[in-house]
Amino acid sequence: MFRVMVFIDGSNVMYTAKLLRANFRVSYLKLAQTLAGSRMLVRTYYFGSEGTPPPQKQIDFYEKLKRLRINVIKRPVRRKGDRMIEKGVDVALTTEMLSLGFMNAYDIAILVSGDNDYVGAVQKLKDVGKIVEVAAFECGLGRELRLSADKVIILDDIADSFEL
């Protein structure tokens, strides 16, 4: 039986889910279970950012994910001029996905993001024999990432299965 790990780029999913439908809310547990299907879901990782200090709503959200046994990895939000920007989330996800792949902790990585920044990591994992599936909303799926994946799952098509 194939061992699966799911790696979720939280900001990417939240942003593109809102483009699908303004009030669309994701059940990350259902999302991971749906994507894994009948395969063995070893672990799910959620990568997100955190304000300083974090708002209570954000604290509650991350605590809920942890209670669902979803590993949460947070990176701080930084101020750039008059805007707040997320820094380090893509790097943290890439590092975790690559290191776990090289340690043979899974057979299949499911990357939940459409960001082309992950193309290099996807290719390195494929080079060491891992299967990499990409799950993303159509509106946010980059062309290069789509072409680099072993399999592409369009979340729009299965959104009802993981809507909160």
C-alpha atoms as a PDB file:
ATOM      1  CA  MET A   1       0.000   0.000   0.000  1.00  0.00           C
ATOM      2  CA  PHE A   2       1.333   3.433  -0.940  1.00  0.00           C
ATOM      3  CA  ARG A   3       2.221   5.781   1.932  1.00  0.00           C
ATOM      4  CA  VAL A   4       0.970   9.335   1.376  1.00  0.00           C
ATOM      5  CA  MET A   5       1.862  12.647   2.973  1.00  0.00           C
ATOM      6  CA  VAL A   6      -0.097  15.801   2.248  1.00  0.00           C
ATOM      7  CA  PHE A   7       1.644  19.201   2.239  1.00  0.00           C
ATOM      8  CA  ILE A   8      -0.762  22.173   2.298  1.00  0.00           C
ATOM      9  CA  ASP A   9       0.270  25.719   1.409  1.00  0.00           C
ATOM     10  CA  GLY A  10      -2.340  27.372   3.617  1.00  0.00           C
ATOM     11  CA  SER A  11      -2.312  30.865   2.132  1.00  0.00           C
ATOM     12  CA  ASN A  12      -2.453  29.554  -1.411  1.00  0.00           C
ATOM     13  CA  VAL A  13      -5.454  27.357  -0.613  1.00  0.00           C
ATOM     14  CA  MET A  14      -7.314  30.035   1.351  1.00  0.00           C
ATOM     15  CA  TYR A  15      -6.843  32.642  -1.363  1.00  0.00           C
ATOM     16  CA  THR A  16      -7.798  30.429  -4.301  1.00  0.00           C
ATOM     17  CA  ALA A  17     -10.747  28.874  -2.424  1.00  0.00           C
ATOM     18  CA  LYS A  18     -12.223  32.368  -2.057  1.00  0.00           C
ATOM     19  CA  LEU A  19     -11.903  32.830  -5.816  1.00  0.00           C
ATOM     20  CA  LEU A  20     -13.910  29.639  -6.335  1.00  0.00           C
ATOM     21  CA  ARG A  21     -16.710  30.887  -4.086  1.00  0.00           C
ATOM     22  CA  ALA A  22     -16.585  33.871  -1.710  1.00  0.00           C
ATOM     23  CA  ASN A  23     -17.829  31.966   1.349  1.00  0.00           C
ATOM     24  CA  PHE A  24     -16.065  28.670   0.623  1.00  0.00           C
ATOM     25  CA  ARG A  25     -14.404  27.185   3.708  1.00  0.00           C
ATOM     26  CA  VAL A  26     -12.078  24.206   3.626  1.00  0.00           C
ATOM     27  CA  SER A  27     -12.122  21.239   5.986  1.00  0.00           C
ATOM     28  CA  TYR A  28      -8.422  20.402   5.901  1.00  0.00           C
ATOM     29  CA  LEU A  29      -8.978  16.987   7.459  1.00  0.00           C
ATOM     30  CA  LYS A  30     -11.549  16.056   4.799  1.00  0.00           C
ATOM     31  CA  LEU A  31      -9.290  17.503   2.110  1.00  0.00           C
ATOM     32  CA  ALA A  32      -6.354  15.300   3.154  1.00  0.00           C
ATOM     33  CA  GLN A  33      -8.553  12.218   3.492  1.00  0.00           C
ATOM     34  CA  THR A  34     -10.174  12.828   0.105  1.00  0.00           C
ATOM     35  CA  LEU A  35      -6.814  13.277  -1.605  1.00  0.00           C
ATOM     36  CA  ALA A  36      -5.326  10.173   0.027  1.00  0.00           C
ATOM     37  CA  GLY A  37      -8.335   8.047  -0.909  1.00  0.00           C
ATOM     38  CA  SER A  38      -7.772   4.365  -0.116  1.00  0.00           C
ATOM     39  CA  ARG A  39      -4.021   4.851   0.282  1.00  0.00           C
ATOM     40  CA  MET A  40      -2.373   5.095   3.713  1.00  0.00           C
ATOM     41  CA  LEU A  41      -2.360   8.718   4.894  1.00  0.00           C
ATOM     42  CA  VAL A  42       0.777   8.919   7.030  1.00  0.00           C
ATOM     43  CA  ARG A  43       0.680  12.596   7.911  1.00  0.00           C
ATOM     44  CA  THR A  44      -0.725  15.960   6.898  1.00  0.00           C
ATOM     45  CA  TYR A  45       1.201  19.216   7.157  1.00  0.00           C
ATOM     46  CA  TYR A  46      -0.314  22.686   7.051  1.00  0.00           C
ATOM     47  CA  PHE A  47       2.053  25.583   6.387  1.00  0.00           C
ATOM     48  CA  GLY A  48       0.874  29.062   7.297  1.00  0.00           C
ATOM     49  CA  SER A  49       1.870  32.433   8.623  1.00  0.00           C
ATOM     50  CA  GLU A  50       1.299  34.068  11.965  1.00  0.00           C
ATOM     51  CA  GLY A  51       0.998  37.703  12.985  1.00  0.00           C
ATOM     52  CA  THR A  52       2.863  39.220  15.915  1.00  0.00           C
ATOM     53  CA  PRO A  53       1.031  38.975  18.164  1.00  0.00           C
ATOM     54  CA  PRO A  54      -1.275  36.485  16.509  1.00  0.00           C
ATOM     55  CA  PRO A  55      -4.986  37.319  16.576  1.00  0.00           C
ATOM     56  CA  GLN A  56      -7.132  34.982  18.661  1.00  0.00           C
ATOM     57  CA  LYS A  57      -8.952  33.761  15.559  1.00  0.00           C
ATOM     58  CA  GLN A  58      -5.625  32.605  14.111  1.00  0.00           C
ATOM     59  CA  ILE A  59      -4.588  30.918  17.372  1.00  0.00           C
ATOM     60  CA  ASP A  60      -7.923  29.086  17.497  1.00  0.00           C
ATOM     61  CA  PHE A  61      -7.609  27.969  13.864  1.00  0.00           C
ATOM     62  CA  TYR A  62      -4.134  26.494  14.353  1.00  0.00           C
ATOM     63  CA  GLU A  63      -5.196  24.790  17.594  1.00  0.00           C
ATOM     64  CA  LYS A  64      -8.145  23.200  15.791  1.00  0.00           C
ATOM     65  CA  LEU A  65      -5.825  21.819  13.103  1.00  0.00           C
ATOM     66  CA  LYS A  66      -3.510  20.401  15.774  1.00  0.00           C
ATOM     67  CA  ARG A  67      -6.445  18.689  17.520  1.00  0.00           C
ATOM     68  CA  LEU A  68      -7.222  17.051  14.161  1.00  0.00           C
ATOM     69  CA  ARG A  69      -3.628  15.687  14.109  1.00  0.00           C
ATOM     70  CA  ILE A  70      -2.583  18.021  11.330  1.00  0.00           C
ATOM     71  CA  ASN A  71       0.994  19.213  11.818  1.00  0.00           C
ATOM     72  CA  VAL A  72       1.111  22.992  11.733  1.00  0.00           C
ATOM     73  CA  ILE A  73       4.259  24.829  10.687  1.00  0.00           C
ATOM     74  CA  LYS A  74       4.057  28.610  10.990  1.00  0.00           C
ATOM     75  CA  ARG A  75       6.257  31.410   9.772  1.00  0.00           C
ATOM     76  CA  PRO A  76       5.945  35.050  10.832  1.00  0.00           C
ATOM     77  CA  VAL A  77       4.294  37.760   8.815  1.00  0.00           C
ATOM     78  CA  ARG A  78       6.657  40.675   8.109  1.00  0.00           C
ATOM     79  CA  ARG A  79       5.964  44.325   7.429  1.00  0.00           C
ATOM     80  CA  LYS A  80       7.112  45.614   4.044  1.00  0.00           C
ATOM     81  CA  GLY A  81       6.282  49.279   3.756  1.00  0.00           C
ATOM     82  CA  ASP A  82       2.591  49.613   4.501  1.00  0.00           C
ATOM     83  CA  ARG A  83       1.836  45.946   3.760  1.00  0.00           C
ATOM     84  CA  MET A  84       2.180  42.732   5.713  1.00  0.00           C
ATOM     85  CA  ILE A  85       3.735  39.867   3.744  1.00  0.00           C
ATOM     86  CA  GLU A  86       4.240  36.192   4.394  1.00  0.00           C
ATOM     87  CA  LYS A  87       7.892  35.132   4.491  1.00  0.00           C
ATOM     88  CA  GLY A  88       9.373  31.658   4.578  1.00  0.00           C
ATOM     89  CA  VAL A  89       6.269  29.508   4.176  1.00  0.00           C
ATOM     90  CA  ASP A  90       7.239  28.195   0.717  1.00  0.00           C
ATOM     91  CA  VAL A  91      10.760  27.451   1.952  1.00  0.00           C
ATOM     92  CA  ALA A  92       9.461  25.624   5.049  1.00  0.00           C
ATOM     93  CA  LEU A  93       7.085  23.495   2.950  1.00  0.00           C
ATOM     94  CA  THR A  94       9.801  22.695   0.407  1.00  0.00           C
ATOM     95  CA  THR A  95      12.301  21.785   3.132  1.00  0.00           C
ATOM     96  CA  GLU A  96       9.859  19.469   4.915  1.00  0.00           C
ATOM     97  CA  MET A  97       8.630  17.813   1.732  1.00  0.00           C
ATOM     98  CA  LEU A  98      12.169  17.215   0.447  1.00  0.00           C
ATOM     99  CA  SER A  99      13.682  16.042   3.735  1.00  0.00           C
ATOM    100  CA  LEU A 100      10.839  13.600   4.441  1.00  0.00           C
ATOM    101  CA  GLY A 101      11.054  12.355   0.861  1.00  0.00           C
ATOM    102  CA  PHE A 102      14.804  11.800   1.089  1.00  0.00           C
ATOM    103  CA  MET A 103      14.263   9.966   4.427  1.00  0.00           C
ATOM    104  CA  ASN A 104      11.785   7.686   2.618  1.00  0.00           C
ATOM    105  CA  ALA A 105       8.937   8.636   4.969  1.00  0.00           C
ATOM    106  CA  TYR A 106       6.402   8.424   2.131  1.00  0.00           C
ATOM    107  CA  ASP A 107       5.905   7.063  -1.374  1.00  0.00           C
ATOM    108  CA  ILE A 108       3.602   9.805  -2.649  1.00  0.00           C
ATOM    109  CA  ALA A 109       3.703  13.508  -1.827  1.00  0.00           C
ATOM    110  CA  ILE A 110       0.511  15.428  -2.412  1.00  0.00           C
ATOM    111  CA  LEU A 111       1.287  19.113  -2.709  1.00  0.00           C
ATOM    112  CA  VAL A 112      -1.784  21.272  -2.178  1.00  0.00           C
ATOM    113  CA  SER A 113      -0.817  24.469  -3.952  1.00  0.00           C
ATOM    114  CA  GLY A 114      -0.687  25.834  -7.454  1.00  0.00           C
ATOM    115  CA  ASP A 115       2.441  27.921  -6.919  1.00  0.00           C
ATOM    116  CA  ASN A 116       5.127  27.489  -9.578  1.00  0.00           C
ATOM    117  CA  ASP A 117       7.781  28.116  -6.894  1.00  0.00           C
ATOM    118  CA  TYR A 118       7.516  24.412  -6.027  1.00  0.00           C
ATOM    119  CA  VAL A 119       8.534  23.098  -9.452  1.00  0.00           C
ATOM    120  CA  GLY A 120      12.180  22.507  -8.451  1.00  0.00           C
ATOM    121  CA  ALA A 121      11.199  20.541  -5.343  1.00  0.00           C
ATOM    122  CA  VAL A 122       8.712  18.453  -7.327  1.00  0.00           C
ATOM    123  CA  GLN A 123      11.404  17.579  -9.864  1.00  0.00           C
ATOM    124  CA  LYS A 124      13.966  16.640  -7.162  1.00  0.00           C
ATOM    125  CA  LEU A 125      11.439  14.308  -5.512  1.00  0.00           C
ATOM    126  CA  LYS A 126      10.648  12.687  -8.847  1.00  0.00           C
ATOM    127  CA  ASP A 127      14.398  12.272  -9.446  1.00  0.00           C
ATOM    128  CA  VAL A 128      14.635  10.100  -6.306  1.00  0.00           C
ATOM    129  CA  GLY A 129      11.649   7.994  -7.312  1.00  0.00           C
ATOM    130  CA  LYS A 130       8.832   9.679  -5.427  1.00  0.00           C
ATOM    131  CA  ILE A 131       5.420  10.199  -6.964  1.00  0.00           C
ATOM    132  CA  VAL A 132       4.252  13.799  -6.688  1.00  0.00           C
ATOM    133  CA  GLU A 133       0.632  14.788  -7.078  1.00  0.00           C
ATOM    134  CA  VAL A 134      -0.449  18.411  -7.156  1.00  0.00           C
ATOM    135  CA  ALA A 135      -3.892  19.448  -5.964  1.00  0.00           C
ATOM    136  CA  ALA A 136      -4.985  23.018  -6.641  1.00  0.00           C
ATOM    137  CA  PHE A 137      -7.922  25.151  -7.614  1.00  0.00           C
ATOM    138  CA  GLU A 138      -7.904  25.737 -11.362  1.00  0.00           C
ATOM    139  CA  CYS A 139      -7.604  29.517 -11.005  1.00  0.00           C
ATOM    140  CA  GLY A 140      -4.367  29.217  -9.032  1.00  0.00           C
ATOM    141  CA  LEU A 141      -2.594  26.366 -10.794  1.00  0.00           C
ATOM    142  CA  GLY A 142       0.608  27.466 -12.472  1.00  0.00           C
ATOM    143  CA  ARG A 143       1.414  26.036 -15.886  1.00  0.00           C
ATOM    144  CA  GLU A 144       4.920  24.847 -14.932  1.00  0.00           C
ATOM    145  CA  LEU A 145       3.691  23.116 -11.776  1.00  0.00           C
ATOM    146  CA  ARG A 146       0.893  21.427 -13.720  1.00  0.00           C
ATOM    147  CA  LEU A 147       3.431  20.066 -16.209  1.00  0.00           C
ATOM    148  CA  SER A 148       5.909  18.901 -13.554  1.00  0.00           C
ATOM    149  CA  ALA A 149       3.449  16.835 -11.472  1.00  0.00           C
ATOM    150  CA  ASP A 150       2.890  13.116 -11.944  1.00  0.00           C
ATOM    151  CA  LYS A 151      -0.815  13.743 -11.406  1.00  0.00           C
ATOM    152  CA  VAL A 152      -2.922  16.905 -11.134  1.00  0.00           C
ATOM    153  CA  ILE A 153      -6.093  17.062  -9.069  1.00  0.00           C
ATOM    154  CA  ILE A 154      -8.342  20.044  -9.766  1.00  0.00           C
ATOM    155  CA  LEU A 155      -9.904  20.937  -6.435  1.00  0.00           C
ATOM    156  CA  ASP A 156     -12.847  22.688  -8.102  1.00  0.00           C
ATOM    157  CA  ASP A 157     -14.020  19.254  -9.285  1.00  0.00           C
ATOM    158  CA  ILE A 158     -14.053  17.717  -5.789  1.00  0.00           C
ATOM    159  CA  ALA A 159     -14.775  20.814  -3.684  1.00  0.00           C
ATOM    160  CA  ASP A 160     -18.029  19.407  -2.294  1.00  0.00           C
ATOM    161  CA  SER A 161     -16.114  16.561  -0.660  1.00  0.00           C
ATOM    162  CA  PHE A 162     -14.048  18.854   1.588  1.00  0.00           C
ATOM    163  CA  GLU A 163     -16.181  21.951   2.090  1.00  0.00           C
ATOM    164  CA  LEU A 164     -16.711  22.823   5.734  1.00  0.00           C
END
